[in-house]
Amino acid sequence: WNEWDHSLFGCFDDCGECLLACCCPCVTYGLNARDAGICCDGCCGAFWGCMLFSFCAPCAMCVWCCGIRPNIRTKYKIAPNCCADCCTVWWCGCCALIQERQQLKTAPKPQTVIVNVPPSGYQPYCE
C-alpha cells in the first residue's frame, strides 16, 4: 500500500490551498469531490458541501468520511482505514481537506492502459 503524499499536518506545503480550505472549506470540498470522481464539477460538490455543512454537520462528516476520503484512498492505493478517516475528519477536518486536496493535485495520476489506435485519417497501404 502507498502512503499519503503529504502528512496530515503538512497544511502549509501549499499556502494557497491552506488559505482556501480555511476560509472556504465548501469550495475545497467541492474540488476534492470533483477530482476524486464523486461529483461532475466543483460547483456541484461545493453546493452540496455547503448544504451539508450548513444544515447538518454530522451528516456532512459521514458523507465525507464514507465517500470522498475512501475514494481517494482507493484511487491512489492508500491502505483503507475507516476508523482513522472518521477521527481525522471529525477532529482535524481542515487539515484533512488540505491533505486530500494536495494528494489530488500533486500525486501522479493512476496509470491507464492505452491500446494502440491508429491516428485519425490513417489509411492502410494496400496494393
N, C-alpha and C. Protein backbone atom coordinates (compact mmCIF):
# COMPACT_ATOMS: atom_id res chain seq x y z
N TRP A 1 0.83 -1.19 0.00
CA TRP A 1 0.00 0.00 0.00
C TRP A 1 0.87 1.24 0.00
N ASN A 2 0.35 2.30 -0.60
CA ASN A 2 1.03 3.59 -0.60
C ASN A 2 0.66 4.38 0.65
N GLU A 3 1.37 5.45 0.88
CA GLU A 3 1.06 6.40 1.95
C GLU A 3 0.56 7.70 1.32
N TRP A 4 -0.05 8.54 2.13
CA TRP A 4 -0.44 9.88 1.65
C TRP A 4 0.84 10.60 1.25
N ASP A 5 0.80 11.37 0.16
CA ASP A 5 1.98 12.11 -0.29
C ASP A 5 2.33 13.26 0.65
N HIS A 6 1.34 13.77 1.35
CA HIS A 6 1.54 14.88 2.29
C HIS A 6 0.99 14.46 3.64
N SER A 7 1.67 14.84 4.69
CA SER A 7 1.20 14.46 6.02
C SER A 7 -0.06 15.26 6.36
N LEU A 8 -0.76 14.76 7.36
CA LEU A 8 -1.99 15.43 7.78
C LEU A 8 -1.71 16.86 8.22
N PHE A 9 -0.56 17.08 8.83
CA PHE A 9 -0.25 18.43 9.32
C PHE A 9 0.72 19.16 8.39
N GLY A 10 0.74 18.75 7.12
CA GLY A 10 1.55 19.44 6.11
C GLY A 10 0.73 20.52 5.42
N CYS A 11 -0.13 21.16 6.19
CA CYS A 11 -1.07 22.15 5.64
C CYS A 11 -0.37 23.26 4.87
N PHE A 12 0.80 23.67 5.34
CA PHE A 12 1.45 24.82 4.73
C PHE A 12 2.37 24.44 3.57
N ASP A 13 2.31 23.17 3.14
CA ASP A 13 3.06 22.78 1.95
C ASP A 13 2.55 23.56 0.73
N ASP A 14 1.29 23.94 0.77
CA ASP A 14 0.67 24.75 -0.30
C ASP A 14 -0.19 25.80 0.39
N CYS A 15 0.39 26.99 0.58
CA CYS A 15 -0.29 28.04 1.34
C CYS A 15 -1.61 28.49 0.70
N GLY A 16 -1.67 28.46 -0.63
CA GLY A 16 -2.90 28.85 -1.32
C GLY A 16 -4.04 27.91 -1.00
N GLU A 17 -3.77 26.61 -1.06
CA GLU A 17 -4.81 25.63 -0.74
C GLU A 17 -5.18 25.71 0.74
N CYS A 18 -4.21 25.98 1.58
CA CYS A 18 -4.45 26.11 3.01
C CYS A 18 -5.41 27.28 3.27
N LEU A 19 -5.14 28.38 2.66
CA LEU A 19 -5.98 29.56 2.82
C LEU A 19 -7.39 29.31 2.30
N LEU A 20 -7.49 28.68 1.14
CA LEU A 20 -8.79 28.38 0.56
C LEU A 20 -9.59 27.44 1.47
N ALA A 21 -8.95 26.39 1.96
CA ALA A 21 -9.64 25.42 2.81
C ALA A 21 -10.07 26.03 4.14
N CYS A 22 -9.26 26.92 4.68
CA CYS A 22 -9.61 27.54 5.97
C CYS A 22 -10.72 28.58 5.82
N CYS A 23 -10.70 29.33 4.72
CA CYS A 23 -11.69 30.39 4.53
C CYS A 23 -12.96 29.91 3.83
N CYS A 24 -12.82 28.98 2.91
CA CYS A 24 -13.96 28.49 2.13
C CYS A 24 -13.91 26.96 2.02
N PRO A 25 -14.12 26.26 3.12
CA PRO A 25 -13.98 24.80 3.07
C PRO A 25 -14.93 24.13 2.08
N CYS A 26 -16.10 24.75 1.85
CA CYS A 26 -17.05 24.16 0.90
C CYS A 26 -16.47 24.10 -0.51
N VAL A 27 -15.70 25.10 -0.87
CA VAL A 27 -15.10 25.13 -2.20
C VAL A 27 -14.06 24.01 -2.32
N THR A 28 -13.21 23.88 -1.30
CA THR A 28 -12.21 22.82 -1.31
C THR A 28 -12.88 21.45 -1.32
N TYR A 29 -13.94 21.30 -0.54
CA TYR A 29 -14.71 20.06 -0.50
C TYR A 29 -15.23 19.73 -1.91
N GLY A 30 -15.76 20.74 -2.59
CA GLY A 30 -16.28 20.54 -3.95
C GLY A 30 -15.20 20.16 -4.94
N LEU A 31 -14.06 20.81 -4.85
CA LEU A 31 -12.94 20.48 -5.74
C LEU A 31 -12.46 19.06 -5.49
N ASN A 32 -12.40 18.67 -4.22
CA ASN A 32 -11.97 17.31 -3.88
C ASN A 32 -12.98 16.29 -4.41
N ALA A 33 -14.26 16.59 -4.26
CA ALA A 33 -15.30 15.67 -4.75
C ALA A 33 -15.19 15.52 -6.27
N ARG A 34 -14.96 16.63 -6.95
CA ARG A 34 -14.81 16.57 -8.42
C ARG A 34 -13.59 15.76 -8.82
N ASP A 35 -12.46 16.07 -8.22
CA ASP A 35 -11.21 15.42 -8.61
C ASP A 35 -11.13 13.96 -8.15
N ALA A 36 -11.90 13.61 -7.14
CA ALA A 36 -11.95 12.21 -6.68
C ALA A 36 -12.92 11.40 -7.53
N GLY A 37 -13.66 12.08 -8.41
CA GLY A 37 -14.58 11.38 -9.30
C GLY A 37 -15.95 11.13 -8.69
N ILE A 38 -16.28 11.86 -7.64
CA ILE A 38 -17.58 11.67 -6.97
C ILE A 38 -18.63 12.62 -7.53
N CYS A 39 -18.20 13.76 -8.00
CA CYS A 39 -19.12 14.79 -8.48
C CYS A 39 -18.65 15.25 -9.85
N CYS A 40 -19.59 15.68 -10.68
CA CYS A 40 -19.25 16.06 -12.05
C CYS A 40 -18.43 17.34 -12.15
N ASP A 41 -18.67 18.29 -11.27
CA ASP A 41 -17.89 19.52 -11.30
C ASP A 41 -17.74 20.10 -9.90
N GLY A 42 -16.82 21.02 -9.75
CA GLY A 42 -16.53 21.60 -8.45
C GLY A 42 -17.70 22.37 -7.85
N CYS A 43 -18.50 23.02 -8.71
CA CYS A 43 -19.64 23.79 -8.22
C CYS A 43 -20.67 22.88 -7.57
N CYS A 44 -20.93 21.75 -8.19
CA CYS A 44 -21.89 20.79 -7.64
C CYS A 44 -21.43 20.32 -6.27
N GLY A 45 -20.15 19.94 -6.16
CA GLY A 45 -19.61 19.49 -4.89
C GLY A 45 -19.62 20.58 -3.84
N ALA A 46 -19.27 21.80 -4.25
CA ALA A 46 -19.26 22.92 -3.31
C ALA A 46 -20.67 23.22 -2.82
N PHE A 47 -21.64 23.16 -3.72
CA PHE A 47 -23.03 23.40 -3.33
C PHE A 47 -23.48 22.39 -2.28
N TRP A 48 -23.26 21.09 -2.59
CA TRP A 48 -23.69 20.07 -1.63
C TRP A 48 -22.87 20.12 -0.36
N GLY A 49 -21.60 20.49 -0.48
CA GLY A 49 -20.78 20.66 0.72
C GLY A 49 -21.33 21.75 1.60
N CYS A 50 -21.70 22.89 1.01
CA CYS A 50 -22.27 23.99 1.79
C CYS A 50 -23.60 23.60 2.42
N MET A 51 -24.42 22.90 1.64
CA MET A 51 -25.72 22.46 2.18
C MET A 51 -25.53 21.52 3.37
N LEU A 52 -24.66 20.54 3.19
CA LEU A 52 -24.44 19.58 4.26
C LEU A 52 -23.84 20.24 5.50
N PHE A 53 -22.80 21.06 5.30
CA PHE A 53 -22.15 21.69 6.44
C PHE A 53 -23.05 22.70 7.13
N SER A 54 -23.89 23.38 6.36
CA SER A 54 -24.77 24.39 6.94
C SER A 54 -25.91 23.80 7.75
N PHE A 55 -26.50 22.74 7.23
CA PHE A 55 -27.71 22.22 7.85
C PHE A 55 -27.49 20.99 8.73
N CYS A 56 -26.43 20.26 8.46
CA CYS A 56 -26.24 19.04 9.23
C CYS A 56 -24.78 18.63 9.20
N ALA A 57 -23.98 19.26 10.06
CA ALA A 57 -22.55 18.98 10.08
C ALA A 57 -22.23 17.50 10.32
N PRO A 58 -22.92 16.82 11.25
CA PRO A 58 -22.61 15.39 11.41
C PRO A 58 -22.88 14.58 10.14
N CYS A 59 -23.93 14.94 9.39
CA CYS A 59 -24.21 14.25 8.12
C CYS A 59 -23.10 14.51 7.12
N ALA A 60 -22.63 15.75 7.08
CA ALA A 60 -21.55 16.11 6.16
C ALA A 60 -20.30 15.31 6.49
N MET A 61 -20.02 15.17 7.78
CA MET A 61 -18.85 14.41 8.19
C MET A 61 -18.96 12.95 7.74
N CYS A 62 -20.16 12.38 7.85
CA CYS A 62 -20.36 10.98 7.43
C CYS A 62 -20.17 10.82 5.93
N VAL A 63 -20.74 11.74 5.15
CA VAL A 63 -20.60 11.68 3.69
C VAL A 63 -19.13 11.80 3.32
N TRP A 64 -18.46 12.72 3.96
CA TRP A 64 -17.05 12.97 3.69
C TRP A 64 -16.23 11.74 4.07
N CYS A 65 -16.49 11.23 5.27
CA CYS A 65 -15.76 10.07 5.80
C CYS A 65 -15.99 8.82 4.96
N CYS A 66 -17.20 8.62 4.53
CA CYS A 66 -17.56 7.38 3.84
C CYS A 66 -17.52 7.52 2.32
N GLY A 67 -17.32 8.73 1.83
CA GLY A 67 -17.35 8.95 0.39
C GLY A 67 -16.03 9.41 -0.19
N ILE A 68 -15.68 10.64 0.05
CA ILE A 68 -14.54 11.23 -0.63
C ILE A 68 -13.21 10.63 -0.18
N ARG A 69 -12.97 10.61 1.11
CA ARG A 69 -11.66 10.15 1.60
C ARG A 69 -11.37 8.69 1.22
N PRO A 70 -12.33 7.76 1.40
CA PRO A 70 -12.06 6.38 0.97
C PRO A 70 -11.86 6.27 -0.55
N ASN A 71 -12.56 7.12 -1.30
CA ASN A 71 -12.41 7.11 -2.75
C ASN A 71 -10.98 7.51 -3.14
N ILE A 72 -10.45 8.51 -2.45
CA ILE A 72 -9.07 8.94 -2.71
C ILE A 72 -8.11 7.83 -2.33
N ARG A 73 -8.37 7.19 -1.19
CA ARG A 73 -7.51 6.07 -0.76
C ARG A 73 -7.49 4.98 -1.84
N THR A 74 -8.65 4.64 -2.36
CA THR A 74 -8.73 3.60 -3.39
C THR A 74 -8.01 4.03 -4.66
N LYS A 75 -8.26 5.27 -5.09
CA LYS A 75 -7.69 5.78 -6.33
C LYS A 75 -6.16 5.76 -6.31
N TYR A 76 -5.57 6.07 -5.15
CA TYR A 76 -4.11 6.15 -5.04
C TYR A 76 -3.50 4.97 -4.28
N LYS A 77 -4.32 3.91 -4.10
CA LYS A 77 -3.84 2.68 -3.44
C LYS A 77 -3.24 2.95 -2.07
N ILE A 78 -3.93 3.78 -1.29
CA ILE A 78 -3.56 4.05 0.09
C ILE A 78 -4.38 3.10 0.96
N ALA A 79 -3.74 2.47 1.91
CA ALA A 79 -4.42 1.46 2.74
C ALA A 79 -5.71 2.01 3.34
N PRO A 80 -6.82 1.25 3.23
CA PRO A 80 -8.08 1.71 3.81
C PRO A 80 -8.00 1.73 5.33
N ASN A 81 -8.60 2.74 5.94
CA ASN A 81 -8.62 2.84 7.39
C ASN A 81 -9.80 3.71 7.79
N CYS A 82 -10.96 3.10 7.88
CA CYS A 82 -12.20 3.84 8.15
C CYS A 82 -12.16 4.56 9.49
N CYS A 83 -11.65 3.90 10.50
CA CYS A 83 -11.60 4.50 11.84
C CYS A 83 -10.71 5.74 11.84
N ALA A 84 -9.54 5.63 11.23
CA ALA A 84 -8.63 6.78 11.15
C ALA A 84 -9.26 7.91 10.35
N ASP A 85 -9.96 7.57 9.25
CA ASP A 85 -10.62 8.60 8.44
C ASP A 85 -11.67 9.34 9.25
N CYS A 86 -12.48 8.59 10.00
CA CYS A 86 -13.53 9.24 10.80
C CYS A 86 -12.93 10.16 11.85
N CYS A 87 -11.90 9.70 12.54
CA CYS A 87 -11.26 10.54 13.56
C CYS A 87 -10.61 11.76 12.93
N THR A 88 -9.94 11.56 11.80
CA THR A 88 -9.27 12.66 11.11
C THR A 88 -10.26 13.72 10.68
N VAL A 89 -11.34 13.29 10.05
CA VAL A 89 -12.34 14.23 9.56
C VAL A 89 -13.03 14.96 10.71
N TRP A 90 -13.30 14.23 11.79
CA TRP A 90 -14.03 14.84 12.91
C TRP A 90 -13.19 15.84 13.67
N TRP A 91 -11.92 15.50 13.97
CA TRP A 91 -11.10 16.36 14.82
C TRP A 91 -10.13 17.25 14.07
N CYS A 92 -9.79 16.91 12.85
CA CYS A 92 -8.83 17.71 12.08
C CYS A 92 -9.38 17.95 10.67
N GLY A 93 -10.63 18.37 10.59
CA GLY A 93 -11.32 18.50 9.31
C GLY A 93 -10.61 19.37 8.29
N CYS A 94 -10.14 20.52 8.71
CA CYS A 94 -9.49 21.44 7.78
C CYS A 94 -8.19 20.83 7.26
N CYS A 95 -7.44 20.22 8.16
CA CYS A 95 -6.18 19.57 7.74
C CYS A 95 -6.46 18.41 6.79
N ALA A 96 -7.55 17.67 7.05
CA ALA A 96 -7.92 16.55 6.17
C ALA A 96 -8.27 17.05 4.78
N LEU A 97 -9.03 18.14 4.72
CA LEU A 97 -9.39 18.73 3.42
C LEU A 97 -8.13 19.10 2.63
N ILE A 98 -7.19 19.74 3.31
CA ILE A 98 -5.97 20.18 2.65
C ILE A 98 -5.13 18.98 2.22
N GLN A 99 -5.04 17.96 3.07
CA GLN A 99 -4.28 16.76 2.72
C GLN A 99 -4.87 16.10 1.48
N GLU A 100 -6.20 15.99 1.43
CA GLU A 100 -6.86 15.40 0.26
C GLU A 100 -6.59 16.24 -0.98
N ARG A 101 -6.71 17.55 -0.84
CA ARG A 101 -6.51 18.45 -1.98
C ARG A 101 -5.09 18.30 -2.52
N GLN A 102 -4.12 18.28 -1.63
CA GLN A 102 -2.73 18.15 -2.05
C GLN A 102 -2.50 16.80 -2.73
N GLN A 103 -3.10 15.74 -2.21
CA GLN A 103 -2.97 14.42 -2.82
C GLN A 103 -3.52 14.43 -4.24
N LEU A 104 -4.70 15.02 -4.39
CA LEU A 104 -5.35 15.04 -5.71
C LEU A 104 -4.60 15.92 -6.70
N LYS A 105 -3.94 16.98 -6.20
CA LYS A 105 -3.22 17.90 -7.09
C LYS A 105 -1.84 17.40 -7.47
N THR A 106 -1.12 16.80 -6.52
CA THR A 106 0.29 16.54 -6.76
C THR A 106 0.65 15.09 -7.02
N ALA A 107 -0.17 14.16 -6.61
CA ALA A 107 0.17 12.75 -6.81
C ALA A 107 0.07 12.40 -8.29
N PRO A 108 0.95 11.52 -8.74
CA PRO A 108 0.83 11.08 -10.14
C PRO A 108 -0.54 10.44 -10.34
N LYS A 109 -1.13 10.73 -11.45
CA LYS A 109 -2.45 10.16 -11.75
C LYS A 109 -2.30 8.66 -11.94
N PRO A 110 -3.31 7.91 -11.48
CA PRO A 110 -3.25 6.46 -11.71
C PRO A 110 -3.10 6.17 -13.19
N GLN A 111 -2.26 5.20 -13.52
CA GLN A 111 -1.99 4.89 -14.92
C GLN A 111 -3.17 4.18 -15.56
N THR A 112 -3.36 4.50 -16.82
CA THR A 112 -4.39 3.83 -17.59
C THR A 112 -3.69 3.08 -18.73
N VAL A 113 -4.30 2.04 -19.17
CA VAL A 113 -3.75 1.25 -20.27
C VAL A 113 -4.23 1.84 -21.58
N ILE A 114 -3.30 2.09 -22.48
CA ILE A 114 -3.65 2.66 -23.78
C ILE A 114 -3.44 1.58 -24.84
N VAL A 115 -4.46 1.35 -25.61
CA VAL A 115 -4.39 0.37 -26.69
C VAL A 115 -3.92 1.09 -27.94
N ASN A 116 -3.09 0.43 -28.74
CA ASN A 116 -2.64 1.05 -29.98
C ASN A 116 -3.83 1.34 -30.89
N VAL A 117 -4.03 2.60 -31.14
CA VAL A 117 -5.11 3.03 -32.02
C VAL A 117 -4.45 3.83 -33.14
N PRO A 118 -4.77 3.50 -34.38
CA PRO A 118 -4.16 4.27 -35.47
C PRO A 118 -4.60 5.73 -35.41
N PRO A 119 -3.72 6.64 -35.83
CA PRO A 119 -4.09 8.05 -35.82
C PRO A 119 -5.29 8.31 -36.72
N SER A 120 -6.02 9.37 -36.41
CA SER A 120 -7.19 9.67 -37.24
C SER A 120 -6.74 9.97 -38.66
N GLY A 121 -7.51 9.52 -39.60
CA GLY A 121 -7.17 9.71 -41.01
C GLY A 121 -6.20 8.66 -41.52
N TYR A 122 -5.86 7.68 -40.71
CA TYR A 122 -4.91 6.64 -41.10
C TYR A 122 -5.51 5.76 -42.19
N GLN A 123 -4.80 5.61 -43.27
CA GLN A 123 -5.24 4.75 -44.38
C GLN A 123 -4.19 3.66 -44.54
N PRO A 124 -4.57 2.40 -44.32
CA PRO A 124 -3.58 1.34 -44.52
C PRO A 124 -3.17 1.26 -45.99
N TYR A 125 -1.92 0.93 -46.22
CA TYR A 125 -1.41 0.82 -47.58
C TYR A 125 -1.78 -0.55 -48.13
N CYS A 126 -2.54 -0.55 -49.19
CA CYS A 126 -2.95 -1.82 -49.83
C CYS A 126 -2.57 -1.75 -51.31
N GLU A 127 -2.10 -2.87 -51.85
CA GLU A 127 -1.78 -2.91 -53.28
C GLU A 127 -2.86 -3.61 -54.04
